[in-house]
N, C-alpha and C. Protein backbone atom coordinates (compact mmCIF):
# COMPACT_ATOMS: atom_id res chain seq x y z
N MET A 1 111.17 116.68 168.84
CA MET A 1 110.29 117.33 168.44
C MET A 1 110.36 118.58 168.78
N SER A 2 110.02 119.56 167.46
CA SER A 2 110.16 121.15 167.53
C SER A 2 109.43 121.73 168.61
N SER A 3 109.50 122.96 169.39
CA SER A 3 108.47 123.33 170.20
C SER A 3 107.35 124.09 169.45
N PHE A 4 106.44 124.36 170.00
CA PHE A 4 105.16 124.85 169.63
C PHE A 4 105.81 126.36 169.80
N ASP A 5 105.26 127.05 168.39
CA ASP A 5 105.52 128.56 168.08
C ASP A 5 104.40 128.97 167.97
N TRP A 6 103.62 129.79 169.33
CA TRP A 6 102.36 130.26 168.98
C TRP A 6 102.24 131.20 167.71
N HIS A 7 103.15 132.32 167.61
CA HIS A 7 103.02 133.10 166.57
C HIS A 7 102.97 132.36 165.31
N GLN A 8 103.75 131.56 164.84
CA GLN A 8 103.68 130.95 163.37
C GLN A 8 102.29 130.19 163.54
N GLU A 9 101.60 129.60 164.63
CA GLU A 9 100.88 128.88 164.30
C GLU A 9 99.27 129.81 164.26
N ALA A 10 99.45 130.77 164.93
CA ALA A 10 98.30 131.92 165.02
C ALA A 10 98.29 132.35 163.32
N GLU A 11 99.52 132.71 162.87
CA GLU A 11 99.51 133.05 161.66
C GLU A 11 99.35 132.16 160.74
N ASN A 12 99.28 130.90 160.70
CA ASN A 12 99.04 129.86 159.70
C ASN A 12 97.55 129.90 159.89
N LEU A 13 96.89 129.67 161.31
CA LEU A 13 95.22 129.35 161.30
C LEU A 13 94.73 130.75 160.51
N TRP A 14 95.04 132.02 160.81
CA TRP A 14 94.04 133.11 159.93
C TRP A 14 94.62 133.19 158.75
N ASP A 15 96.01 132.79 158.37
CA ASP A 15 96.33 132.53 156.46
C ASP A 15 94.99 131.80 156.17
N ASP A 16 94.57 130.38 157.00
CA ASP A 16 93.73 129.67 156.49
C ASP A 16 92.52 129.81 156.45
N LYS A 17 91.97 130.76 157.34
CA LYS A 17 90.66 131.56 157.90
C LYS A 17 90.06 132.69 156.75
N ALA A 18 91.21 133.31 156.01
CA ALA A 18 91.13 134.34 155.27
C ALA A 18 89.63 134.34 154.64
N ASP A 19 89.64 133.51 153.73
CA ASP A 19 88.73 133.44 153.05
C ASP A 19 87.24 133.45 153.67
N PHE A 20 86.90 132.07 154.57
CA PHE A 20 85.92 132.21 155.15
C PHE A 20 85.75 133.68 156.00
N TRP A 21 86.35 134.04 156.60
CA TRP A 21 86.25 135.40 157.05
C TRP A 21 85.99 136.05 156.40
N ASN A 22 86.71 136.72 155.10
CA ASN A 22 85.96 137.79 154.21
C ASN A 22 84.38 137.35 153.89
N GLN A 23 84.23 135.86 153.49
CA GLN A 23 82.78 136.15 153.32
C GLN A 23 81.89 136.38 154.80
N SER A 24 82.21 136.44 155.79
CA SER A 24 81.42 136.63 156.84
C SER A 24 81.42 138.19 157.71
N SER A 25 82.50 138.85 157.15
CA SER A 25 82.72 140.04 158.06
C SER A 25 81.96 141.28 157.68
N GLN A 26 81.43 141.16 156.54
CA GLN A 26 80.39 142.32 156.14
C GLN A 26 79.01 142.26 157.11
N GLY A 27 78.52 141.14 157.15
CA GLY A 27 77.55 140.97 157.84
C GLY A 27 77.52 141.08 159.62
N MET A 28 78.66 140.91 159.69
CA MET A 28 79.35 141.14 161.38
C MET A 28 78.89 142.51 161.35
N TRP A 29 79.83 143.12 160.65
CA TRP A 29 79.81 144.64 160.94
C TRP A 29 78.83 145.28 160.67
N GLU A 30 77.91 144.83 159.51
CA GLU A 30 76.64 145.65 159.08
C GLU A 30 75.48 145.33 160.06
N THR A 31 75.08 144.08 160.52
CA THR A 31 74.08 143.58 161.04
C THR A 31 74.15 142.57 162.59
N GLY A 32 75.50 142.15 162.28
CA GLY A 32 75.84 141.59 163.59
C GLY A 32 76.28 141.39 164.65
N SER A 33 77.29 140.73 165.32
CA SER A 33 77.73 141.43 166.54
C SER A 33 78.67 142.29 166.66
N ARG A 34 79.21 143.36 165.66
CA ARG A 34 80.33 144.16 165.54
C ARG A 34 79.30 145.82 164.93
N LYS A 35 78.03 145.45 164.79
CA LYS A 35 77.41 146.65 164.22
C LYS A 35 77.46 147.97 165.06
N LYS A 36 77.55 147.58 166.70
CA LYS A 36 77.71 149.05 167.63
C LYS A 36 78.74 149.15 168.17
N ILE A 37 79.89 148.94 167.39
CA ILE A 37 81.14 149.04 167.73
C ILE A 37 81.61 150.35 167.22
N VAL A 38 81.24 151.13 165.82
CA VAL A 38 81.73 152.27 165.09
C VAL A 38 80.99 153.21 166.02
N PRO A 39 79.93 152.92 166.06
CA PRO A 39 78.66 154.20 167.04
C PRO A 39 79.46 154.27 168.39
N PHE A 40 80.14 153.18 169.39
CA PHE A 40 80.76 153.35 170.37
C PHE A 40 81.71 154.40 170.02
N ILE A 41 82.48 154.22 169.33
CA ILE A 41 83.78 154.99 169.10
C ILE A 41 83.56 156.04 168.45
N GLU A 42 82.59 156.64 168.11
CA GLU A 42 82.00 157.72 167.61
C GLU A 42 81.75 158.95 168.82
N LYS A 43 81.12 158.18 169.77
CA LYS A 43 80.80 158.70 170.92
C LYS A 43 82.04 159.41 172.09
N HIS A 44 83.00 158.76 171.56
CA HIS A 44 84.20 158.75 172.46
C HIS A 44 85.51 159.27 171.68
N ILE A 45 85.78 158.90 170.34
CA ILE A 45 86.92 159.59 169.56
C ILE A 45 86.34 160.69 168.39
N PRO A 46 87.05 161.88 168.26
CA PRO A 46 86.68 162.71 167.52
C PRO A 46 86.78 162.08 166.02
N LYS A 47 85.88 162.66 164.96
CA LYS A 47 86.07 162.26 163.78
C LYS A 47 87.75 163.04 163.18
N GLY A 48 88.20 162.28 162.46
CA GLY A 48 89.29 162.66 161.83
C GLY A 48 90.44 162.39 162.54
N SER A 49 90.35 161.74 163.73
CA SER A 49 91.36 161.08 164.41
C SER A 49 92.00 160.01 163.86
N ILE A 50 93.43 159.79 163.71
CA ILE A 50 94.35 158.83 163.16
C ILE A 50 94.13 157.59 164.09
N ILE A 51 93.65 156.60 163.48
CA ILE A 51 93.53 155.19 164.12
C ILE A 51 93.88 154.24 163.80
N ALA A 52 94.23 153.22 164.65
CA ALA A 52 94.80 151.96 164.34
C ALA A 52 93.85 151.04 164.58
N ASP A 53 93.55 149.91 163.50
CA ASP A 53 92.37 148.72 163.99
C ASP A 53 93.54 147.99 163.62
N LEU A 54 93.77 146.92 165.04
CA LEU A 54 94.87 146.28 165.18
C LEU A 54 94.00 144.72 165.69
N GLY A 55 94.52 144.06 164.23
CA GLY A 55 93.58 142.68 164.25
C GLY A 55 92.86 142.96 163.31
N CYS A 56 93.33 143.46 162.49
CA CYS A 56 92.14 144.02 161.51
C CYS A 56 91.27 143.09 160.44
N GLY A 57 91.90 142.05 160.36
CA GLY A 57 91.12 140.71 159.57
C GLY A 57 91.20 141.28 158.16
N ASP A 58 90.01 140.96 157.31
CA ASP A 58 90.29 141.42 155.77
C ASP A 58 89.67 143.08 155.60
N GLY A 59 89.42 143.86 156.91
CA GLY A 59 89.99 145.31 156.83
C GLY A 59 88.33 145.86 156.53
N TYR A 60 87.32 145.23 157.04
CA TYR A 60 85.97 145.29 156.79
C TYR A 60 85.65 146.53 157.98
N GLY A 61 86.29 146.32 159.13
CA GLY A 61 86.24 146.80 160.19
C GLY A 61 86.74 148.71 159.97
N SER A 62 88.16 148.40 159.30
CA SER A 62 88.93 149.61 158.97
C SER A 62 88.23 150.07 157.98
N TYR A 63 87.31 149.49 157.23
CA TYR A 63 86.58 150.27 155.79
C TYR A 63 85.83 150.87 156.63
N LYS A 64 84.65 150.90 157.33
CA LYS A 64 83.66 151.21 158.34
C LYS A 64 84.46 152.46 159.19
N LEU A 65 85.39 152.42 159.93
CA LEU A 65 85.85 153.39 160.43
C LEU A 65 86.23 154.85 159.40
N ASP A 66 86.46 154.27 158.15
CA ASP A 66 86.78 155.33 157.18
C ASP A 66 85.73 155.75 156.78
N GLN A 67 84.66 155.30 156.49
CA GLN A 67 83.34 155.73 156.26
C GLN A 67 83.02 156.93 157.37
N ALA A 68 83.34 156.67 158.54
CA ALA A 68 82.77 157.15 159.74
C ALA A 68 83.65 158.56 159.69
N GLY A 69 84.34 158.92 159.08
CA GLY A 69 85.43 160.13 159.36
C GLY A 69 86.42 159.90 159.81
N TYR A 70 87.54 158.88 160.00
CA TYR A 70 88.38 158.70 160.57
C TYR A 70 89.52 158.17 159.40
N ARG A 71 91.07 158.42 159.96
CA ARG A 71 92.06 158.04 159.03
C ARG A 71 92.49 156.80 159.78
N VAL A 72 92.62 155.74 158.82
CA VAL A 72 92.70 154.57 159.37
C VAL A 72 94.37 153.77 158.81
N THR A 73 94.71 152.90 159.49
CA THR A 73 95.64 152.00 159.54
C THR A 73 94.98 150.84 159.91
N GLY A 74 95.31 149.64 159.24
CA GLY A 74 95.04 148.15 159.79
C GLY A 74 96.31 147.33 159.75
N ILE A 75 96.43 146.63 160.81
CA ILE A 75 97.24 145.64 161.30
C ILE A 75 96.84 144.65 161.49
N ASP A 76 97.02 143.28 160.85
CA ASP A 76 97.00 142.22 160.98
C ASP A 76 98.41 141.23 161.13
N LEU A 77 98.40 139.84 161.75
CA LEU A 77 99.47 139.13 161.81
C LEU A 77 99.48 138.18 160.52
N SER A 78 98.26 137.82 159.80
CA SER A 78 97.93 137.09 158.38
C SER A 78 98.32 137.81 157.57
N LYS A 79 99.22 137.39 156.79
CA LYS A 79 99.78 137.68 155.62
C LYS A 79 98.51 138.04 154.46
N GLU A 80 97.68 136.59 154.51
CA GLU A 80 96.79 136.44 153.73
C GLU A 80 95.53 137.63 153.85
N MET A 81 94.87 137.78 155.12
CA MET A 81 94.17 138.98 155.75
C MET A 81 94.64 140.27 154.96
N ILE A 82 95.90 140.61 155.35
CA ILE A 82 95.97 141.69 154.90
C ILE A 82 96.09 141.94 153.15
N GLU A 83 96.40 140.38 152.27
CA GLU A 83 96.40 140.86 151.02
C GLU A 83 95.07 140.95 151.05
N THR A 84 94.12 140.31 151.12
CA THR A 84 92.72 140.47 151.16
C THR A 84 92.12 142.00 151.50
N ALA A 85 92.49 142.44 152.32
CA ALA A 85 92.27 143.74 152.46
C ALA A 85 92.63 144.87 151.42
N LYS A 86 93.87 144.76 151.28
CA LYS A 86 94.56 145.66 150.33
C LYS A 86 93.50 145.29 148.98
N GLY A 87 92.97 144.22 148.73
CA GLY A 87 92.30 143.83 147.23
C GLY A 87 90.82 144.11 147.14
N GLU A 88 90.45 144.65 148.30
CA GLU A 88 89.23 145.17 148.49
C GLU A 88 89.02 146.54 147.62
N GLY A 89 88.27 146.78 146.77
CA GLY A 89 88.35 148.50 145.92
C GLY A 89 87.75 149.36 147.14
N ARG A 90 86.64 149.00 147.89
CA ARG A 90 86.60 149.77 149.14
C ARG A 90 87.46 150.33 150.42
N ASN A 91 88.65 150.01 149.89
CA ASN A 91 89.63 149.95 150.99
C ASN A 91 90.65 150.99 150.54
N LYS A 92 90.40 151.47 149.30
CA LYS A 92 91.86 152.48 148.90
C LYS A 92 91.86 153.57 149.48
N ARG A 93 91.32 153.90 150.57
CA ARG A 93 92.09 155.31 151.60
C ARG A 93 92.55 154.56 152.80
N VAL A 94 92.35 153.43 152.99
CA VAL A 94 93.12 152.52 154.14
C VAL A 94 94.57 151.93 153.85
N THR A 95 95.34 152.11 154.86
CA THR A 95 96.68 151.83 155.00
C THR A 95 96.42 150.20 155.57
N PHE A 96 97.05 149.43 154.99
CA PHE A 96 97.50 147.86 155.47
C PHE A 96 98.82 147.57 155.72
N ILE A 97 98.97 146.70 156.64
CA ILE A 97 100.51 146.60 157.14
C ILE A 97 100.27 145.09 157.84
N GLN A 98 101.35 144.15 157.44
CA GLN A 98 101.21 142.93 158.21
C GLN A 98 101.84 143.03 159.41
N GLY A 99 101.62 142.81 160.85
CA GLY A 99 102.31 143.18 162.18
C GLY A 99 101.78 142.17 163.27
N ASP A 100 102.68 142.40 164.11
CA ASP A 100 102.40 141.52 165.48
C ASP A 100 101.99 142.51 166.30
N LEU A 101 100.62 142.17 166.95
CA LEU A 101 100.37 143.03 168.40
C LEU A 101 101.34 142.93 169.43
N THR A 102 102.47 142.24 169.64
CA THR A 102 103.46 141.80 170.61
C THR A 102 104.38 143.01 170.20
N ASN A 103 104.54 143.42 168.89
CA ASN A 103 105.58 143.95 168.38
C ASN A 103 105.60 144.92 167.24
N LEU A 104 104.42 145.87 167.59
CA LEU A 104 103.87 146.61 166.88
C LEU A 104 105.07 147.31 166.00
N PRO A 105 105.04 147.37 164.61
CA PRO A 105 105.83 148.45 163.74
C PRO A 105 105.25 150.19 163.65
N PHE A 106 105.44 150.60 164.91
CA PHE A 106 105.28 152.16 164.75
C PHE A 106 105.95 152.61 165.89
N GLU A 107 106.18 153.95 165.82
CA GLU A 107 107.16 154.70 167.01
C GLU A 107 106.27 154.82 167.86
N ASP A 108 106.62 155.58 168.87
CA ASP A 108 105.98 155.98 170.36
C ASP A 108 104.86 157.00 170.06
N ASP A 109 103.49 157.08 171.05
CA ASP A 109 102.49 158.12 170.26
C ASP A 109 102.36 158.42 168.98
N THR A 110 102.14 157.30 168.20
CA THR A 110 101.82 157.65 166.58
C THR A 110 100.12 158.15 166.61
N PHE A 111 99.48 157.07 167.35
CA PHE A 111 98.19 157.12 166.81
C PHE A 111 97.20 157.95 168.03
N SER A 112 96.00 158.65 167.41
CA SER A 112 95.31 159.14 168.40
C SER A 112 93.99 158.40 168.75
N GLY A 113 93.94 157.22 168.27
CA GLY A 113 92.75 156.21 168.74
C GLY A 113 93.29 155.15 168.25
N LEU A 114 92.70 153.79 169.02
CA LEU A 114 93.06 152.91 168.78
C LEU A 114 91.59 152.02 168.65
N MET A 115 91.51 150.70 167.88
CA MET A 115 90.32 149.80 168.08
C MET A 115 90.67 148.33 167.69
N VAL A 116 90.66 147.90 168.68
CA VAL A 116 91.29 146.40 169.02
C VAL A 116 90.15 145.32 169.20
N ILE A 117 89.13 144.44 167.98
CA ILE A 117 88.23 143.60 168.30
C ILE A 117 88.75 142.26 168.42
N ASN A 118 88.43 141.53 169.70
CA ASN A 118 88.61 140.08 169.49
C ASN A 118 89.99 140.03 169.05
N SER A 119 91.17 140.72 169.47
CA SER A 119 92.40 140.51 168.95
C SER A 119 93.40 139.90 169.86
N ILE A 120 93.28 140.87 171.36
CA ILE A 120 94.08 140.48 172.28
C ILE A 120 94.35 139.21 172.55
N GLU A 121 93.12 138.24 172.49
CA GLU A 121 92.85 136.84 172.64
C GLU A 121 93.78 136.15 172.04
N TRP A 122 94.18 136.41 170.94
CA TRP A 122 95.05 135.48 169.95
C TRP A 122 96.40 135.87 170.29
N THR A 123 96.73 136.64 171.35
CA THR A 123 98.32 136.67 171.49
C THR A 123 98.55 135.90 172.61
N GLU A 124 100.10 135.32 172.90
CA GLU A 124 100.66 134.55 173.36
C GLU A 124 100.58 135.14 175.09
N HIS A 125 100.78 136.64 174.97
CA HIS A 125 101.34 137.41 176.04
C HIS A 125 100.61 138.84 175.96
N PRO A 126 99.27 138.61 176.31
CA PRO A 126 98.31 139.64 176.57
C PRO A 126 98.60 141.02 177.01
N LEU A 127 99.63 141.05 178.31
CA LEU A 127 99.86 142.12 178.83
C LEU A 127 101.23 142.86 177.82
N LYS A 128 101.94 141.67 177.24
CA LYS A 128 103.02 142.62 176.21
C LYS A 128 102.37 143.50 175.21
N ALA A 129 100.84 142.69 174.65
CA ALA A 129 100.37 143.17 173.59
C ALA A 129 99.77 144.71 174.03
N LEU A 130 99.09 144.57 175.14
CA LEU A 130 98.60 145.66 175.92
C LEU A 130 99.54 146.95 176.36
N ASP A 131 100.65 146.64 176.79
CA ASP A 131 101.64 147.36 176.58
C ASP A 131 102.21 148.02 175.21
N GLU A 132 102.00 147.32 174.13
CA GLU A 132 102.41 147.96 172.87
C GLU A 132 101.64 149.01 172.54
N MET A 133 100.26 148.43 172.75
CA MET A 133 99.36 149.54 172.33
C MET A 133 99.18 150.93 173.41
N HIS A 134 99.43 150.48 174.47
CA HIS A 134 99.96 151.74 174.95
C HIS A 134 101.16 152.84 174.37
N ARG A 135 101.89 151.84 174.21
CA ARG A 135 103.22 152.60 173.63
C ARG A 135 102.83 153.34 172.10
N ILE A 136 102.01 152.60 171.42
CA ILE A 136 101.84 153.50 169.99
C ILE A 136 100.51 154.53 170.21
N LEU A 137 100.09 154.62 171.59
CA LEU A 137 98.86 155.70 171.53
C LEU A 137 99.20 157.01 171.95
N LYS A 138 98.69 157.97 171.59
CA LYS A 138 99.01 159.53 172.81
C LYS A 138 98.55 159.61 173.86
N LYS A 139 99.10 159.81 174.72
CA LYS A 139 98.71 159.96 176.08
C LYS A 139 97.40 161.03 176.14
N GLY A 140 96.33 160.47 176.96
CA GLY A 140 95.03 160.86 177.13
C GLY A 140 93.89 160.55 176.07
N HIS A 141 94.67 159.76 174.86
CA HIS A 141 93.39 159.30 173.97
C HIS A 141 92.88 157.96 174.41
N PHE A 142 91.98 157.59 173.40
CA PHE A 142 91.41 156.34 173.60
C PHE A 142 91.47 155.25 172.61
N MET A 143 91.55 153.84 173.25
CA MET A 143 91.31 152.88 172.83
C MET A 143 90.05 151.90 173.06
N CYS A 144 89.02 151.65 171.88
CA CYS A 144 88.13 150.59 171.89
C CYS A 144 88.58 149.33 171.66
N LEU A 145 88.48 148.70 172.87
CA LEU A 145 88.95 147.16 172.79
C LEU A 145 87.92 146.42 172.94
N GLY A 146 87.40 145.05 172.25
CA GLY A 146 86.37 144.22 172.15
C GLY A 146 87.09 142.96 172.72
N ILE A 147 86.32 142.76 173.56
CA ILE A 147 86.86 140.71 174.38
C ILE A 147 85.84 140.05 174.29
N LEU A 148 86.11 139.00 173.86
CA LEU A 148 84.73 137.87 173.76
C LEU A 148 84.39 137.45 175.52
N GLY A 149 83.44 137.62 175.83
CA GLY A 149 82.37 137.31 176.66
C GLY A 149 82.28 135.77 176.92
N PRO A 150 81.77 135.38 178.12
CA PRO A 150 81.35 134.11 178.77
C PRO A 150 80.61 133.33 177.68
N THR A 151 79.60 133.85 176.99
CA THR A 151 78.85 133.34 176.40
C THR A 151 79.62 133.17 174.74
N ALA A 152 80.73 133.46 174.10
CA ALA A 152 80.67 133.52 173.12
C ALA A 152 81.18 132.07 172.72
N GLY A 153 80.71 131.39 171.55
CA GLY A 153 81.14 130.07 170.85
C GLY A 153 82.58 130.45 170.87
N PRO A 154 83.39 131.29 170.01
CA PRO A 154 84.87 131.14 170.05
C PRO A 154 85.89 130.84 170.82
N ARG A 155 85.03 130.83 172.56
CA ARG A 155 86.04 130.53 173.38
C ARG A 155 86.45 129.43 173.25
N ALA A 156 85.69 128.64 172.70
CA ALA A 156 86.38 126.90 172.41
C ALA A 156 87.53 126.82 172.05
N ASN A 157 87.93 127.92 171.24
CA ASN A 157 89.09 127.53 170.72
C ASN A 157 90.64 127.32 171.63
N SER A 158 89.80 127.77 172.90
CA SER A 158 91.00 127.40 174.43
C SER A 158 90.83 126.34 175.10
N TYR A 159 89.92 125.29 174.41
CA TYR A 159 89.19 124.45 175.33
C TYR A 159 90.54 123.33 175.21
N ASN A 160 91.02 123.22 174.66
CA ASN A 160 91.80 121.52 174.61
C ASN A 160 93.01 121.74 175.44
N ARG A 161 92.95 123.46 175.92
CA ARG A 161 94.48 123.44 177.31
C ARG A 161 93.95 122.58 178.37
N LEU A 162 92.93 122.28 178.74
CA LEU A 162 92.22 121.49 179.57
C LEU A 162 92.81 119.51 179.58
N TYR A 163 93.32 119.49 178.22
CA TYR A 163 94.06 118.16 178.13
C TYR A 163 95.18 118.30 177.94
N GLY A 164 95.91 119.79 178.24
CA GLY A 164 97.33 119.81 178.36
C GLY A 164 97.62 120.22 177.04
N GLU A 165 97.01 120.29 175.81
CA GLU A 165 97.44 120.31 174.40
C GLU A 165 97.85 121.86 174.24
N SER A 166 98.62 122.30 173.33
CA SER A 166 99.35 123.69 173.09
C SER A 166 97.90 124.39 172.09
N VAL A 167 97.35 125.22 172.83
CA VAL A 167 96.45 126.49 171.91
C VAL A 167 96.57 127.71 171.87
N ILE A 168 96.21 128.42 170.81
CA ILE A 168 96.39 129.95 170.35
C ILE A 168 95.38 130.87 170.84
N CYS A 169 94.56 130.37 171.56
CA CYS A 169 93.64 131.53 171.74
C CYS A 169 93.37 131.58 173.33
N ASN A 170 93.93 132.70 174.17
CA ASN A 170 94.49 132.94 175.37
C ASN A 170 93.09 133.59 175.80
N THR A 171 91.88 132.84 175.98
CA THR A 171 90.82 133.54 176.69
C THR A 171 91.07 133.98 177.68
N MET A 172 90.17 135.33 178.26
CA MET A 172 90.13 135.76 179.42
C MET A 172 88.47 136.34 179.72
N MET A 173 88.22 136.43 180.90
CA MET A 173 87.08 137.45 181.29
C MET A 173 87.33 138.91 180.96
N PRO A 174 85.70 139.32 180.44
CA PRO A 174 86.07 140.50 180.42
C PRO A 174 86.71 141.29 181.68
N TRP A 175 85.95 141.30 183.03
CA TRP A 175 86.86 141.68 184.02
C TRP A 175 88.16 141.19 184.82
N GLU A 176 88.51 140.02 184.20
CA GLU A 176 90.02 139.99 183.93
C GLU A 176 90.96 141.20 183.47
N PHE A 177 90.41 141.13 182.13
CA PHE A 177 90.73 142.23 181.07
C PHE A 177 91.20 143.58 181.65
N GLU A 178 89.87 143.95 182.36
CA GLU A 178 89.75 145.34 182.67
C GLU A 178 90.65 145.49 184.14
N GLN A 179 90.90 144.54 184.90
CA GLN A 179 91.88 144.72 185.89
C GLN A 179 93.20 144.65 185.21
N LEU A 180 93.39 143.46 184.22
CA LEU A 180 94.78 144.39 183.88
C LEU A 180 95.18 145.50 183.51
N ALA A 181 94.28 145.91 182.45
CA ALA A 181 94.72 147.20 181.73
C ALA A 181 94.41 148.44 182.91
N GLN A 182 93.66 147.96 184.05
CA GLN A 182 93.95 149.14 185.03
C GLN A 182 94.81 149.02 186.09
N GLU A 183 95.84 148.09 186.06
CA GLU A 183 96.81 147.95 186.88
C GLU A 183 98.08 148.30 186.00
N ASN A 184 97.63 148.47 184.25
CA ASN A 184 98.97 148.72 183.40
C ASN A 184 98.76 150.06 182.44
N GLY A 185 98.25 151.18 183.23
CA GLY A 185 98.45 152.10 182.80
C GLY A 185 97.06 152.65 181.91
N TRP A 186 95.69 152.16 182.31
CA TRP A 186 94.84 152.44 181.55
C TRP A 186 93.72 153.12 182.71
N GLU A 187 92.82 153.81 182.23
CA GLU A 187 91.71 154.34 182.57
C GLU A 187 90.16 153.83 182.02
N ILE A 188 89.27 153.02 182.59
CA ILE A 188 88.46 152.60 181.95
C ILE A 188 87.31 153.80 182.21
N ILE A 189 86.75 154.20 180.77
CA ILE A 189 86.14 155.43 180.42
C ILE A 189 84.16 154.63 180.37
N ASP A 190 84.37 153.88 179.73
CA ASP A 190 82.82 153.10 179.33
C ASP A 190 83.05 151.91 179.00
N GLY A 191 81.70 151.21 178.94
CA GLY A 191 81.70 149.72 178.72
C GLY A 191 80.28 149.48 178.18
N LYS A 192 80.21 148.41 177.02
CA LYS A 192 78.78 148.10 176.32
C LYS A 192 79.00 146.55 176.18
N GLY A 193 77.89 146.14 176.27
CA GLY A 193 77.74 144.76 176.25
C GLY A 193 77.07 144.71 174.87
N VAL A 194 77.35 143.34 174.14
CA VAL A 194 76.98 142.66 172.73
C VAL A 194 76.75 141.12 173.36
N TYR A 195 75.41 140.94 173.18
CA TYR A 195 74.26 140.21 173.88
C TYR A 195 73.91 139.03 172.13
N LYS A 196 73.83 137.87 172.58
CA LYS A 196 73.20 136.59 171.88
C LYS A 196 71.87 137.11 171.77
N ARG A 197 71.31 136.72 170.81
CA ARG A 197 69.54 136.93 170.34
C ARG A 197 68.98 136.20 171.76
N GLY A 198 67.85 136.39 172.47
CA GLY A 198 67.38 135.74 173.48
C GLY A 198 67.55 136.84 174.53
N VAL A 199 68.68 137.31 174.58
CA VAL A 199 68.56 138.17 176.07
C VAL A 199 68.25 139.62 175.77
N PRO A 200 67.45 139.84 176.89
CA PRO A 200 66.77 141.25 176.91
C PRO A 200 67.37 142.08 177.19
N GLU A 201 67.72 143.20 176.14
CA GLU A 201 68.79 144.35 176.62
C GLU A 201 68.31 145.25 177.80
N ASP A 202 66.92 145.46 177.39
CA ASP A 202 66.64 146.35 178.68
C ASP A 202 66.44 145.66 180.05
N MET A 203 66.23 144.02 180.09
CA MET A 203 66.61 143.51 181.56
C MET A 203 67.86 143.70 182.21
N VAL A 204 68.74 143.76 181.23
CA VAL A 204 70.31 143.61 181.40
C VAL A 204 70.46 144.99 181.61
N SER A 205 70.34 145.98 181.38
CA SER A 205 70.73 147.26 181.45
C SER A 205 70.53 147.65 183.19
N ARG A 206 69.57 146.65 183.79
CA ARG A 206 69.39 147.00 185.22
C ARG A 206 70.02 146.04 186.23
N LEU A 207 71.07 145.13 185.31
CA LEU A 207 71.81 144.27 186.19
C LEU A 207 73.20 145.03 186.81
N PRO A 208 73.95 144.97 188.00
CA PRO A 208 75.43 145.24 188.09
C PRO A 208 76.20 145.11 187.17
N LYS A 209 76.98 145.70 186.99
CA LYS A 209 78.29 145.28 185.88
C LYS A 209 78.94 144.10 185.76
N GLU A 210 79.14 143.83 186.80
CA GLU A 210 79.60 142.07 186.60
C GLU A 210 78.70 141.09 185.94
N LEU A 211 77.26 141.02 186.43
CA LEU A 211 76.35 140.53 185.54
C LEU A 211 75.95 140.57 184.11
N GLN A 212 76.09 141.84 183.89
CA GLN A 212 75.93 142.39 182.57
C GLN A 212 77.10 141.72 181.74
N GLN A 213 78.17 141.76 182.30
CA GLN A 213 79.28 141.19 181.45
C GLN A 213 79.30 139.39 181.44
N SER A 214 78.79 139.20 182.35
CA SER A 214 78.85 137.21 182.53
C SER A 214 77.94 137.08 181.48
N LEU A 215 76.99 138.10 181.09
CA LEU A 215 76.02 137.43 179.79
C LEU A 215 76.60 137.83 178.44
N THR A 216 77.61 138.30 178.20
CA THR A 216 77.93 138.93 176.84
C THR A 216 78.58 137.68 176.22
N PHE A 217 78.69 137.83 174.36
CA PHE A 217 78.88 137.52 173.63
C PHE A 217 80.39 137.88 173.31
N MET A 218 80.36 139.38 173.68
CA MET A 218 81.40 140.19 173.39
C MET A 218 81.23 141.85 174.54
N TRP A 219 82.32 141.89 175.01
CA TRP A 219 82.15 142.97 175.91
C TRP A 219 83.22 144.31 175.36
N LEU A 220 82.39 145.48 175.00
CA LEU A 220 83.64 146.73 174.64
C LEU A 220 83.70 147.35 175.71
N VAL A 221 84.77 147.93 175.74
CA VAL A 221 85.53 148.79 177.12
C VAL A 221 86.21 149.62 176.11
N MET A 222 85.72 150.99 176.58
CA MET A 222 86.49 152.09 176.03
C MET A 222 87.77 152.50 177.29
N LEU A 223 89.30 152.49 176.84
CA LEU A 223 90.12 153.12 178.01
C LEU A 223 90.88 154.09 177.38
N LYS A 224 91.60 155.03 178.33
CA LYS A 224 91.97 156.06 178.25
C LYS A 224 93.16 155.38 178.82
N LYS A 225 94.26 156.52 178.01
CA LYS A 225 95.86 156.20 178.23
C LYS A 225 96.29 157.04 178.92
N LEU A 226 96.65 156.80 180.28
CA LEU A 226 97.28 157.64 181.60
C LEU A 226 98.76 158.46 181.22
């Protein structure tokens, strides 16, 4: 029996999901769970910055960054996702490259900003991916990373590990990721929760950070490279 190849299995999965994702991404970025991301980035990263969108999917988030005034390169493991992104007329000013988050095809200190949304969970070795992000970002610059919160349905992608099966979704709690980042060359600058309908954000804002994170569908964290 051949050994389980996380990288290849992840690439195959997202190749298969490319059409489905393309049908859903605009809604997520315009009115859904990702609509707060670019405004959060604008709060911290100057317009005109050269930003890498790591795990860009079909490139709609890259397009939103481009529209906001950033210079953008999108990277995704899936060839089908990259081909879809390149084929969208709206993405003419964005560069798209197929690449692995744990072995990024860029020189040290290439970018002045990073956006990484629900991507690090899909790597076999999250710390290796985090180190690569650190390597390609200029010192003192910022990365916005979105990680699935405890209430996110997609976390079910890792459930079968409880039966001893191989899975390709490396879920972690927002507070676990933040500790990993702080121990490996990053400073936490800001954080913001994305919540499911029915969670009153005025109530959540009064809770301690750990409880805010516990209710999230996605937690956005702004990190500075030390």
